[in-house]
C-alpha cells in the first residue's frame, strides 16, 4: 500500500515539474517576444529617422542644384558698360545642318554639309575671342528687353539632328566646351537626346513629324489642320521635356496659324530661315538666323557674324 502511494506521489511531482517548465517557458517566450518587438520598433523608428534625414539631404541637394542652375542660367549683366553690351546690331543666331570629315574620305553631299575642320575653326575662333553663348531663357529675356547680353554673344544652332552631328561634330563641341542647340525632328531621332546627353547641347524642337512636303511643295505645316499642327508640336515637346522652349519651323515655312500653334504648345520662341539678327522687341515666333554652308570657311564665318 505504501509503495502505491509513493509511486502516485512521484507521478504528481513529475507532472508539477512539467507544468512549471511549461509555464516558465511561456513566460520566457513572452519576455523575449516583448523585447524583440521593442527592438523592431526602435529599429523602425531609427530607419524612419534615417529615411527622413536622407529625404532632407536629397531635397537640400536638389535645391542646391536648382540654385546652381539658376545661377548658371540667370547671369547678371547689369554692370556691363554700354560699350560692352550687345547693341542695336542684334544677336547672331547661326544655322548649321550636316558635317563630314574629309580625312576619312567623306565628301559633302550638297551645300548644307560642312567639313569638320571648318566647323572646328569657327569654335576655336569664338572661344579665343571670348564669345558668350547665352541660354534660350537669356535670349528670351533679351528679346523682351529684360536683360542685356555681352557685345560678343552668339547662338549656334544645328537643324534636323542628323547622325553626322553626333558622330562628327559633337566631339569637337565637347572639346571647346561651347553651348550648341540641336533642333531635333523627334519622330526621326528624338531618342538621340537620351543616347547622347551632353551639357554642351541644348535639344530643342524641329517638330515631331512635319519635316516633309505638303501642298504646293511647301512644308506640310502650312497644309495641316490647326489641330494636327498643335498635336505634332506638343508631341515633340513631350519627347524632349519641359526644358524644350524653342521651336524651329521645318524648311523655315510658317504662317500666323503655325505661330499660334507653337505658342499654344508652350514654346517661348520660334525660328525661321529668314536672314537677319535677333533684336529687342522682335516677334518671338518669327525669328531670323544667319546661314552657313559648305563654303563657310573661317574667313567667311567672320564675315557672317561681324
Foldseek 3Di string as FASTA:
>chain_A
DVVVVVVVVVVVVVVVVVVVVVVVVVVVVVVVVVVVVVVVVVVVVVVVVVVVVVVVVVVVVVVVVVVVVCCVQPPAPVPPDPVFWADQQFEAEEEAEAEDAVVVVDDDPDFRYAYLVQVLLVLVVLVVVPAAEHDVVVLLCQQQVNHIDTNRYYAYEYEAPDPRCVVPVPVSCVVSVAAYEYAHQQCVPLCVCVVDPDPRYDYAHQWPPQLDADPPRHTCCVVDDLVVLLVRLLVSCVSRDPSHQEYEHRQQDDDPSNLVSSVVSRHSAYEGADDGHRHHNDRRHYHYHFYHTRPCGPVNVVVRRD
